[in-house]
Amino acid sequence: MSSDPREERFRRIFRRAHADHPSCLRDEWLMEPCRLENGARADRSVVWSRRNGPWRQVDVLWVGAAPGNAGGRGSGDMGAHATRIPFGGDIAGGNLDVLLGSVGLDRNRTFIVAALNQLPARGGGEPRPVELRAPVGDHASSIHLLRDTLLAAGAGLVVVLGNVALRTAVAAARLQEQPRITLPGLGRLEDAGLERGTAIAWPPALSPDRAFLDAWSGAWGRAPLPRLLWLLHPSAQNMSPYAGTDTAFHARMVRTRDALRRAAAEVLGGVPDRRMAPPTGGIYALPEWRAAIGSRHAELDRIWREKGV
């Protein structure tokens, strides 16, 4: 195994998140669903592995709400719950790939995580606060897992996709500021200066706790805290390639892409004029991607391109 301290940060998170899954501890790529100590398949795999992105510092960290299952509510064979690939196999995943390509990124060069890295107990949708506060392996909660991921990624830009992702990301950096794990309300976040579609420096009114700041400094020296970019979640309910160009579904995608490109241009030093095809190695070589996800996302990409996105 690598002795690179940056990779080891990710490895420690992985091993803690999958502490209840002995088979996963031997397979950092999660080539099969999580299994319990008795060998039985876990009801809900923990979607946190090398399938989420490279185990090193990244320029951009993406935070979603929770893995989906492409409408299967726990029984389908697509979506992150089934494939262990975040944002894979559904319209939200296809939309995210369009956004990635719009700023010159692919899944091998960025990291994707969620507020809750398991399918919500009700089979889909946004996680409940009680789920976010529940332990994940050896992590005290999903919020603690996200905190560790923020520190390990060392990103210059954290893109939070939707309200739950935003509230959880801010809470994750402030765990020692609260006697009980709570998520800040949107009103408080907006009063602190957060505005959807605009990348801002971490607001002083929501400053991370001292332990987080010390850990950040120990890992990344004088590098500033990441900027926060709050975007709409790229779900089919918000933006759809199948909608007409005169609809709100199309307009939301265009606004989201444009906001991301403005933010990425500042952090990455520029963005490409056009999207390139994704690579063929790494995450794109996984059997689930090659067998189903890749063609599905390519078709969604084609539709968006035909509509000028």
Foldseek 3Di string as FASTA:
>chain_A
DDPPVLLVLLLVLQCQLLVQFVVCNVPQPCLDFGAGPVRHGDLKGQLRGCLQEDSGAAQEEEEEFEWAQQPPLSPHCWICRNVSRHLFDHQLSLLVQQLQLQFPHDRHRYGYYYLGRIAAPRRHDGHDPVQQCPDRRNRRGSLLSLLSVLLSRLHQEYEYADDNSVQSNLQSQAVVVDPDRDTDDPVVVVVQPDDALAWDADRPVSHGDPVSVVSNCVRPNPDGRHTYHYAHRSHPVQAALPDDCPDRNNVSSVSRSVSSQVVSCVSVVHGDPGGDDDDCDRSNVRPVNVVHRVVVSVVRSVSVVVVPD
